Amino acid sequence: MKAKAILEAAGYDVQLAPNPSKWSLQNDLWGLWDLCAVDAESIRFVQIKTNARETLIDREKMSLWPCPSWCRKEVWVFYDRKKDPIIHKL
C-alpha cells in the first residue's frame, strides 16, 4: 500500500485495518480509519480514498470522532497519475 510506504519512510510504525475475508466486509479501524501510524511524538489516523473526495457524512463522522489533541485525523486522496496524495486534515 502506497500510504503505508510513505508513512514508514517518514519513521512511523503503521497498523493497517484487517483485510476482509471472502465472507466479510472490509473492517476499518473503529469503523472509520484505514490505518493508524505511530511515531515517538504523534499518532495519525488515516482514511484513504482514490480519485474521489470523502462524503460529507464520512467527514462529519471523522471530525466528531474523539481523540486527544496530539493525534491527527486525515483523509488522503490518491489521484491517478499523481505521485503524492492530497492530504485533508480534519
PDB file of N, CA and C in Angstrom:
ATOM      1  N   MET A   1       0.852  -1.179   0.000  1.00  0.00           N
ATOM      2  CA  MET A   1       0.000   0.000   0.000  1.00  0.00           C
ATOM      3  C   MET A   1       0.896   1.241   0.000  1.00  0.00           C
ATOM      4  N   LYS A   2       0.568   2.167  -0.876  1.00  0.00           N
ATOM      5  CA  LYS A   2       1.388   3.364  -1.069  1.00  0.00           C
ATOM      6  C   LYS A   2       1.445   4.241   0.192  1.00  0.00           C
ATOM      7  N   ALA A   3       0.310   4.444   0.861  1.00  0.00           N
ATOM      8  CA  ALA A   3       0.273   5.284   2.054  1.00  0.00           C
ATOM      9  C   ALA A   3       1.138   4.696   3.162  1.00  0.00           C
ATOM     10  N   LYS A   4       1.084   3.393   3.323  1.00  0.00           N
ATOM     11  CA  LYS A   4       1.901   2.730   4.346  1.00  0.00           C
ATOM     12  C   LYS A   4       3.384   2.953   4.066  1.00  0.00           C
ATOM     13  N   ALA A   5       3.798   2.814   2.812  1.00  0.00           N
ATOM     14  CA  ALA A   5       5.199   3.016   2.446  1.00  0.00           C
ATOM     15  C   ALA A   5       5.640   4.454   2.714  1.00  0.00           C
ATOM     16  N   ILE A   6       4.785   5.433   2.406  1.00  0.00           N
ATOM     17  CA  ILE A   6       5.109   6.838   2.646  1.00  0.00           C
ATOM     18  C   ILE A   6       5.309   7.101   4.134  1.00  0.00           C
ATOM     19  N   LEU A   7       4.391   6.592   4.950  1.00  0.00           N
ATOM     20  CA  LEU A   7       4.478   6.826   6.392  1.00  0.00           C
ATOM     21  C   LEU A   7       5.658   6.092   7.023  1.00  0.00           C
ATOM     22  N   GLU A   8       5.917   4.873   6.592  1.00  0.00           N
ATOM     23  CA  GLU A   8       7.068   4.140   7.131  1.00  0.00           C
ATOM     24  C   GLU A   8       8.377   4.820   6.755  1.00  0.00           C
ATOM     25  N   ALA A   9       8.463   5.385   5.555  1.00  0.00           N
ATOM     26  CA  ALA A   9       9.662   6.119   5.150  1.00  0.00           C
ATOM     27  C   ALA A   9       9.860   7.371   6.008  1.00  0.00           C
ATOM     28  N   ALA A  10       8.766   7.922   6.542  1.00  0.00           N
ATOM     29  CA  ALA A  10       8.837   9.093   7.411  1.00  0.00           C
ATOM     30  C   ALA A  10       9.085   8.711   8.869  1.00  0.00           C
ATOM     31  N   GLY A  11       9.240   7.416   9.150  1.00  0.00           N
ATOM     32  CA  GLY A  11       9.578   6.969  10.502  1.00  0.00           C
ATOM     33  C   GLY A  11       8.423   6.499  11.355  1.00  0.00           C
ATOM     34  N   TYR A  12       7.269   6.295  10.769  1.00  0.00           N
ATOM     35  CA  TYR A  12       6.100   5.824  11.521  1.00  0.00           C
ATOM     36  C   TYR A  12       6.031   4.303  11.524  1.00  0.00           C
ATOM     37  N   ASP A  13       5.471   3.755  12.595  1.00  0.00           N
ATOM     38  CA  ASP A  13       5.092   2.350  12.661  1.00  0.00           C
ATOM     39  C   ASP A  13       3.623   2.322  12.267  1.00  0.00           C
ATOM     40  N   VAL A  14       3.258   1.529  11.271  1.00  0.00           N
ATOM     41  CA  VAL A  14       1.915   1.588  10.687  1.00  0.00           C
ATOM     42  C   VAL A  14       1.153   0.297  10.943  1.00  0.00           C
ATOM     43  N   GLN A  15      -0.086   0.449  11.406  1.00  0.00           N
ATOM     44  CA  GLN A  15      -1.007  -0.674  11.587  1.00  0.00           C
ATOM     45  C   GLN A  15      -2.151  -0.505  10.607  1.00  0.00           C
ATOM     46  N   LEU A  16      -2.327  -1.467   9.708  1.00  0.00           N
ATOM     47  CA  LEU A  16      -3.407  -1.426   8.728  1.00  0.00           C
ATOM     48  C   LEU A  16      -4.668  -2.068   9.288  1.00  0.00           C
ATOM     49  N   ALA A  17      -5.809  -1.662   8.756  1.00  0.00           N
ATOM     50  CA  ALA A  17      -7.061  -2.330   9.082  1.00  0.00           C
ATOM     51  C   ALA A  17      -6.972  -3.757   8.553  1.00  0.00           C
ATOM     52  N   PRO A  18      -7.583  -4.718   9.251  1.00  0.00           N
ATOM     53  CA  PRO A  18      -7.507  -6.104   8.783  1.00  0.00           C
ATOM     54  C   PRO A  18      -8.148  -6.285   7.417  1.00  0.00           C
ATOM     55  N   ASN A  19      -7.539  -7.130   6.601  1.00  0.00           N
ATOM     56  CA  ASN A  19      -8.095  -7.433   5.280  1.00  0.00           C
ATOM     57  C   ASN A  19      -9.354  -8.275   5.432  1.00  0.00           C
ATOM     58  N   PRO A  20     -10.354  -8.007   4.605  1.00  0.00           N
ATOM     59  CA  PRO A  20     -11.580  -8.800   4.704  1.00  0.00           C
ATOM     60  C   PRO A  20     -11.366 -10.200   4.130  1.00  0.00           C
ATOM     61  N   SER A  21     -12.110 -11.146   4.665  1.00  0.00           N
ATOM     62  CA  SER A  21     -12.124 -12.472   4.061  1.00  0.00           C
ATOM     63  C   SER A  21     -13.208 -12.480   2.990  1.00  0.00           C
ATOM     64  N   LYS A  22     -13.345 -13.567   2.292  1.00  0.00           N
ATOM     65  CA  LYS A  22     -14.384 -13.596   1.263  1.00  0.00           C
ATOM     66  C   LYS A  22     -15.787 -13.655   1.854  1.00  0.00           C
ATOM     67  N   TRP A  23     -15.899 -13.845   3.178  1.00  0.00           N
ATOM     68  CA  TRP A  23     -17.205 -13.895   3.828  1.00  0.00           C
ATOM     69  C   TRP A  23     -17.521 -12.647   4.637  1.00  0.00           C
ATOM     70  N   SER A  24     -16.610 -11.683   4.668  1.00  0.00           N
ATOM     71  CA  SER A  24     -16.867 -10.492   5.479  1.00  0.00           C
ATOM     72  C   SER A  24     -16.557  -9.221   4.698  1.00  0.00           C
ATOM     73  N   LEU A  25     -17.042  -8.116   5.191  1.00  0.00           N
ATOM     74  CA  LEU A  25     -16.792  -6.818   4.592  1.00  0.00           C
ATOM     75  C   LEU A  25     -15.478  -6.247   5.114  1.00  0.00           C
ATOM     76  N   GLN A  26     -14.984  -5.189   4.454  1.00  0.00           N
ATOM     77  CA  GLN A  26     -13.784  -4.503   4.926  1.00  0.00           C
ATOM     78  C   GLN A  26     -14.022  -3.973   6.336  1.00  0.00           C
ATOM     79  N   ASN A  27     -13.099  -4.219   7.225  1.00  0.00           N
ATOM     80  CA  ASN A  27     -13.195  -3.730   8.594  1.00  0.00           C
ATOM     81  C   ASN A  27     -12.216  -2.580   8.776  1.00  0.00           C
ATOM     82  N   ASP A  28     -12.717  -1.354   8.830  1.00  0.00           N
ATOM     83  CA  ASP A  28     -11.863  -0.222   9.124  1.00  0.00           C
ATOM     84  C   ASP A  28     -11.617  -0.166  10.619  1.00  0.00           C
ATOM     85  N   LEU A  29     -10.523   0.474  11.008  1.00  0.00           N
ATOM     86  CA  LEU A  29     -10.238   0.654  12.431  1.00  0.00           C
ATOM     87  C   LEU A  29     -11.286   1.589  13.010  1.00  0.00           C
ATOM     88  N   TRP A  30     -12.011   1.143  14.019  1.00  0.00           N
ATOM     89  CA  TRP A  30     -13.094   1.876  14.667  1.00  0.00           C
ATOM     90  C   TRP A  30     -14.160   2.313  13.674  1.00  0.00           C
ATOM     91  N   GLY A  31     -14.292   1.596  12.571  1.00  0.00           N
ATOM     92  CA  GLY A  31     -15.303   1.894  11.587  1.00  0.00           C
ATOM     93  C   GLY A  31     -15.022   3.105  10.704  1.00  0.00           C
ATOM     94  N   LEU A  32     -13.846   3.736  10.853  1.00  0.00           N
ATOM     95  CA  LEU A  32     -13.558   4.960  10.113  1.00  0.00           C
ATOM     96  C   LEU A  32     -12.208   4.982   9.408  1.00  0.00           C
ATOM     97  N   TRP A  33     -11.202   4.376   9.972  1.00  0.00           N
ATOM     98  CA  TRP A  33      -9.820   4.602   9.543  1.00  0.00           C
ATOM     99  C   TRP A  33      -9.232   3.379   8.859  1.00  0.00           C
ATOM    100  N   ASP A  34      -8.482   3.615   7.775  1.00  0.00           N
ATOM    101  CA  ASP A  34      -7.817   2.539   7.057  1.00  0.00           C
ATOM    102  C   ASP A  34      -6.488   2.162   7.692  1.00  0.00           C
ATOM    103  N   LEU A  35      -5.854   3.119   8.342  1.00  0.00           N
ATOM    104  CA  LEU A  35      -4.593   2.809   9.015  1.00  0.00           C
ATOM    105  C   LEU A  35      -4.347   3.760  10.169  1.00  0.00           C
ATOM    106  N   CYS A  36      -3.492   3.311  11.069  1.00  0.00           N
ATOM    107  CA  CYS A  36      -3.051   4.099  12.213  1.00  0.00           C
ATOM    108  C   CYS A  36      -1.528   4.119  12.164  1.00  0.00           C
ATOM    109  N   ALA A  37      -0.937   5.304  12.214  1.00  0.00           N
ATOM    110  CA  ALA A  37       0.514   5.454  12.145  1.00  0.00           C
ATOM    111  C   ALA A  37       1.005   6.097  13.441  1.00  0.00           C
ATOM    112  N   VAL A  38       2.040   5.506  14.045  1.00  0.00           N
ATOM    113  CA  VAL A  38       2.541   5.968  15.343  1.00  0.00           C
ATOM    114  C   VAL A  38       4.028   6.252  15.243  1.00  0.00           C
ATOM    115  N   ASP A  39       4.451   7.401  15.774  1.00  0.00           N
ATOM    116  CA  ASP A  39       5.875   7.658  15.958  1.00  0.00           C
ATOM    117  C   ASP A  39       6.063   8.145  17.397  1.00  0.00           C
ATOM    118  N   ALA A  40       7.236   8.612  17.736  1.00  0.00           N
ATOM    119  CA  ALA A  40       7.536   8.996  19.121  1.00  0.00           C
ATOM    120  C   ALA A  40       6.748  10.219  19.586  1.00  0.00           C
ATOM    121  N   GLU A  41       6.247  11.028  18.654  1.00  0.00           N
ATOM    122  CA  GLU A  41       5.592  12.278  19.029  1.00  0.00           C
ATOM    123  C   GLU A  41       4.100  12.348  18.714  1.00  0.00           C
ATOM    124  N   SER A  42       3.599  11.485  17.845  1.00  0.00           N
ATOM    125  CA  SER A  42       2.200  11.634  17.446  1.00  0.00           C
ATOM    126  C   SER A  42       1.595  10.322  16.955  1.00  0.00           C
ATOM    127  N   ILE A  43       0.284  10.362  16.809  1.00  0.00           N
ATOM    128  CA  ILE A  43      -0.478   9.271  16.214  1.00  0.00           C
ATOM    129  C   ILE A  43      -1.314   9.881  15.099  1.00  0.00           C
ATOM    130  N   ARG A  44      -1.334   9.222  13.946  1.00  0.00           N
ATOM    131  CA  ARG A  44      -2.123   9.684  12.806  1.00  0.00           C
ATOM    132  C   ARG A  44      -3.125   8.606  12.419  1.00  0.00           C
ATOM    133  N   PHE A  45      -4.399   8.988  12.360  1.00  0.00           N
ATOM    134  CA  PHE A  45      -5.455   8.111  11.873  1.00  0.00           C
ATOM    135  C   PHE A  45      -5.769   8.553  10.454  1.00  0.00           C
ATOM    136  N   VAL A  46      -5.686   7.631   9.491  1.00  0.00           N
ATOM    137  CA  VAL A  46      -5.778   7.991   8.086  1.00  0.00           C
ATOM    138  C   VAL A  46      -6.868   7.178   7.383  1.00  0.00           C
ATOM    139  N   GLN A  47      -7.733   7.882   6.652  1.00  0.00           N
ATOM    140  CA  GLN A  47      -8.704   7.275   5.744  1.00  0.00           C
ATOM    141  C   GLN A  47      -8.157   7.501   4.341  1.00  0.00           C
ATOM    142  N   ILE A  48      -8.105   6.465   3.525  1.00  0.00           N
ATOM    143  CA  ILE A  48      -7.518   6.560   2.190  1.00  0.00           C
ATOM    144  C   ILE A  48      -8.613   6.446   1.142  1.00  0.00           C
ATOM    145  N   LYS A  49      -8.587   7.378   0.193  1.00  0.00           N
ATOM    146  CA  LYS A  49      -9.534   7.389  -0.925  1.00  0.00           C
ATOM    147  C   LYS A  49      -8.735   7.439  -2.219  1.00  0.00           C
ATOM    148  N   THR A  50      -9.338   6.962  -3.308  1.00  0.00           N
ATOM    149  CA  THR A  50      -8.712   7.068  -4.618  1.00  0.00           C
ATOM    150  C   THR A  50      -9.661   7.778  -5.562  1.00  0.00           C
ATOM    151  N   ASN A  51      -9.153   8.816  -6.194  1.00  0.00           N
ATOM    152  CA  ASN A  51      -9.885   9.568  -7.221  1.00  0.00           C
ATOM    153  C   ASN A  51     -11.241  10.089  -6.772  1.00  0.00           C
ATOM    154  N   ALA A  52     -11.444  10.282  -5.490  1.00  0.00           N
ATOM    155  CA  ALA A  52     -12.731  10.778  -5.014  1.00  0.00           C
ATOM    156  C   ALA A  52     -12.550  11.487  -3.678  1.00  0.00           C
ATOM    157  N   ARG A  53     -13.420  12.414  -3.439  1.00  0.00           N
ATOM    158  CA  ARG A  53     -13.438  13.074  -2.137  1.00  0.00           C
ATOM    159  C   ARG A  53     -14.364  12.275  -1.213  1.00  0.00           C
ATOM    160  N   GLU A  54     -14.127  12.440   0.088  1.00  0.00           N
ATOM    161  CA  GLU A  54     -14.996  11.770   1.037  1.00  0.00           C
ATOM    162  C   GLU A  54     -16.359  12.446   1.056  1.00  0.00           C
ATOM    163  N   THR A  55     -17.377  11.745   1.466  1.00  0.00           N
ATOM    164  CA  THR A  55     -18.710  12.331   1.536  1.00  0.00           C
ATOM    165  C   THR A  55     -18.800  13.220   2.766  1.00  0.00           C
ATOM    166  N   LEU A  56     -19.790  14.090   2.789  1.00  0.00           N
ATOM    167  CA  LEU A  56     -19.973  14.963   3.947  1.00  0.00           C
ATOM    168  C   LEU A  56     -20.291  14.160   5.197  1.00  0.00           C
ATOM    169  N   ILE A  57     -21.028  13.057   5.036  1.00  0.00           N
ATOM    170  CA  ILE A  57     -21.359  12.209   6.185  1.00  0.00           C
ATOM    171  C   ILE A  57     -20.088  11.600   6.762  1.00  0.00           C
ATOM    172  N   ASP A  58     -19.218  11.067   5.900  1.00  0.00           N
ATOM    173  CA  ASP A  58     -17.960  10.499   6.369  1.00  0.00           C
ATOM    174  C   ASP A  58     -17.120  11.561   7.061  1.00  0.00           C
ATOM    175  N   ARG A  59     -17.038  12.728   6.456  1.00  0.00           N
ATOM    176  CA  ARG A  59     -16.226  13.808   7.019  1.00  0.00           C
ATOM    177  C   ARG A  59     -16.754  14.209   8.398  1.00  0.00           C
ATOM    178  N   GLU A  60     -18.074  14.277   8.549  1.00  0.00           N
ATOM    179  CA  GLU A  60     -18.656  14.638   9.837  1.00  0.00           C
ATOM    180  C   GLU A  60     -18.352  13.571  10.893  1.00  0.00           C
ATOM    181  N   LYS A  61     -18.505  12.297  10.531  1.00  0.00           N
ATOM    182  CA  LYS A  61     -18.203  11.214  11.470  1.00  0.00           C
ATOM    183  C   LYS A  61     -16.752  11.266  11.921  1.00  0.00           C
ATOM    184  N   MET A  62     -15.847  11.502  10.953  1.00  0.00           N
ATOM    185  CA  MET A  62     -14.426  11.559  11.283  1.00  0.00           C
ATOM    186  C   MET A  62     -14.101  12.762  12.150  1.00  0.00           C
ATOM    187  N   SER A  63     -14.707  13.900  11.854  1.00  0.00           N
ATOM    188  CA  SER A  63     -14.459  15.112  12.644  1.00  0.00           C
ATOM    189  C   SER A  63     -14.954  14.953  14.077  1.00  0.00           C
ATOM    190  N   LEU A  64     -16.088  14.280  14.251  1.00  0.00           N
ATOM    191  CA  LEU A  64     -16.669  14.109  15.584  1.00  0.00           C
ATOM    192  C   LEU A  64     -16.030  12.979  16.383  1.00  0.00           C
ATOM    193  N   TRP A  65     -15.252  12.130  15.713  1.00  0.00           N
ATOM    194  CA  TRP A  65     -14.628  11.003  16.402  1.00  0.00           C
ATOM    195  C   TRP A  65     -13.644  11.541  17.436  1.00  0.00           C
ATOM    196  N   PRO A  66     -13.787  11.150  18.721  1.00  0.00           N
ATOM    197  CA  PRO A  66     -12.950  11.732  19.765  1.00  0.00           C
ATOM    198  C   PRO A  66     -11.529  11.163  19.765  1.00  0.00           C
ATOM    199  N   CYS A  67     -10.572  12.059  19.895  1.00  0.00           N
ATOM    200  CA  CYS A  67      -9.182  11.652  20.076  1.00  0.00           C
ATOM    201  C   CYS A  67      -8.434  12.806  20.738  1.00  0.00           C
ATOM    202  N   PRO A  68      -7.329  12.526  21.398  1.00  0.00           N
ATOM    203  CA  PRO A  68      -6.559  13.588  22.063  1.00  0.00           C
ATOM    204  C   PRO A  68      -6.026  14.612  21.056  1.00  0.00           C
ATOM    205  N   SER A  69      -5.674  15.786  21.557  1.00  0.00           N
ATOM    206  CA  SER A  69      -5.205  16.868  20.689  1.00  0.00           C
ATOM    207  C   SER A  69      -3.894  16.533  19.983  1.00  0.00           C
ATOM    208  N   TRP A  70      -3.115  15.611  20.529  1.00  0.00           N
ATOM    209  CA  TRP A  70      -1.834  15.266  19.901  1.00  0.00           C
ATOM    210  C   TRP A  70      -1.985  14.186  18.830  1.00  0.00           C
ATOM    211  N   CYS A  71      -3.198  13.747  18.577  1.00  0.00           N
ATOM    212  CA  CYS A  71      -3.481  12.826  17.468  1.00  0.00           C
ATOM    213  C   CYS A  71      -3.969  13.638  16.281  1.00  0.00           C
ATOM    214  N   ARG A  72      -3.729  13.109  15.079  1.00  0.00           N
ATOM    215  CA  ARG A  72      -4.202  13.773  13.872  1.00  0.00           C
ATOM    216  C   ARG A  72      -5.146  12.851  13.122  1.00  0.00           C
ATOM    217  N   LYS A  73      -6.202  13.429  12.573  1.00  0.00           N
ATOM    218  CA  LYS A  73      -7.151  12.706  11.742  1.00  0.00           C
ATOM    219  C   LYS A  73      -7.019  13.270  10.335  1.00  0.00           C
ATOM    220  N   GLU A  74      -6.797  12.382   9.354  1.00  0.00           N
ATOM    221  CA  GLU A  74      -6.529  12.833   7.994  1.00  0.00           C
ATOM    222  C   GLU A  74      -7.246  11.963   6.972  1.00  0.00           C
ATOM    223  N   VAL A  75      -7.578  12.572   5.836  1.00  0.00           N
ATOM    224  CA  VAL A  75      -8.079  11.845   4.673  1.00  0.00           C
ATOM    225  C   VAL A  75      -7.057  12.054   3.570  1.00  0.00           C
ATOM    226  N   TRP A  76      -6.507  10.956   3.052  1.00  0.00           N
ATOM    227  CA  TRP A  76      -5.538  11.013   1.952  1.00  0.00           C
ATOM    228  C   TRP A  76      -6.256  10.602   0.681  1.00  0.00           C
ATOM    229  N   VAL A  77      -6.167  11.441  -0.355  1.00  0.00           N
ATOM    230  CA  VAL A  77      -6.788  11.130  -1.643  1.00  0.00           C
ATOM    231  C   VAL A  77      -5.677  10.945  -2.670  1.00  0.00           C
ATOM    232  N   PHE A  78      -5.609   9.747  -3.227  1.00  0.00           N
ATOM    233  CA  PHE A  78      -4.643   9.431  -4.280  1.00  0.00           C
ATOM    234  C   PHE A  78      -5.352   9.543  -5.629  1.00  0.00           C
ATOM    235  N   TYR A  79      -4.821  10.374  -6.510  1.00  0.00           N
ATOM    236  CA  TYR A  79      -5.370  10.532  -7.848  1.00  0.00           C
ATOM    237  C   TYR A  79      -4.495   9.796  -8.847  1.00  0.00           C
ATOM    238  N   ASP A  80      -5.124   9.285  -9.899  1.00  0.00           N
ATOM    239  CA  ASP A  80      -4.375   8.600 -10.960  1.00  0.00           C
ATOM    240  C   ASP A  80      -3.306   9.529 -11.527  1.00  0.00           C
ATOM    241  N   ARG A  81      -2.167   8.945 -11.831  1.00  0.00           N
ATOM    242  CA  ARG A  81      -1.037   9.640 -12.448  1.00  0.00           C
ATOM    243  C   ARG A  81      -0.448  10.747 -11.581  1.00  0.00           C
ATOM    244  N   LYS A  82      -0.715  10.747 -10.291  1.00  0.00           N
ATOM    245  CA  LYS A  82      -0.113  11.698  -9.354  1.00  0.00           C
ATOM    246  C   LYS A  82       0.736  10.914  -8.369  1.00  0.00           C
ATOM    247  N   LYS A  83       1.913  11.402  -8.083  1.00  0.00           N
ATOM    248  CA  LYS A  83       2.843  10.674  -7.212  1.00  0.00           C
ATOM    249  C   LYS A  83       2.414  10.750  -5.740  1.00  0.00           C
ATOM    250  N   ASP A  84       2.089  11.962  -5.295  1.00  0.00           N
ATOM    251  CA  ASP A  84       1.779  12.168  -3.877  1.00  0.00           C
ATOM    252  C   ASP A  84       0.276  12.377  -3.660  1.00  0.00           C
ATOM    253  N   PRO A  85      -0.216  11.975  -2.486  1.00  0.00           N
ATOM    254  CA  PRO A  85      -1.642  12.168  -2.204  1.00  0.00           C
ATOM    255  C   PRO A  85      -1.933  13.612  -1.814  1.00  0.00           C
ATOM    256  N   ILE A  86      -3.190  13.990  -1.927  1.00  0.00           N
ATOM    257  CA  ILE A  86      -3.686  15.235  -1.355  1.00  0.00           C
ATOM    258  C   ILE A  86      -4.133  14.876   0.059  1.00  0.00           C
ATOM    259  N   ILE A  87      -3.630  15.605   1.064  1.00  0.00           N
ATOM    260  CA  ILE A  87      -3.928  15.284   2.452  1.00  0.00           C
ATOM    261  C   ILE A  87      -4.863  16.350   3.026  1.00  0.00           C
ATOM    262  N   HIS A  88      -6.038  15.901   3.464  1.00  0.00           N
ATOM    263  CA  HIS A  88      -7.013  16.782   4.108  1.00  0.00           C
ATOM    264  C   HIS A  88      -6.957  16.504   5.605  1.00  0.00           C
ATOM    265  N   LYS A  89      -6.619  17.515   6.390  1.00  0.00           N
ATOM    266  CA  LYS A  89      -6.573  17.363   7.849  1.00  0.00           C
ATOM    267  C   LYS A  89      -7.922  17.743   8.422  1.00  0.00           C
ATOM    268  N   LEU A  90      -8.392  16.939   9.359  1.00  0.00           N
ATOM    269  CA  LEU A  90      -9.700  17.194   9.979  1.00  0.00           C
ATOM    270  C   LEU A  90      -9.521  17.836  11.338  1.00  0.00           C
TER     271      LEU A  90
END
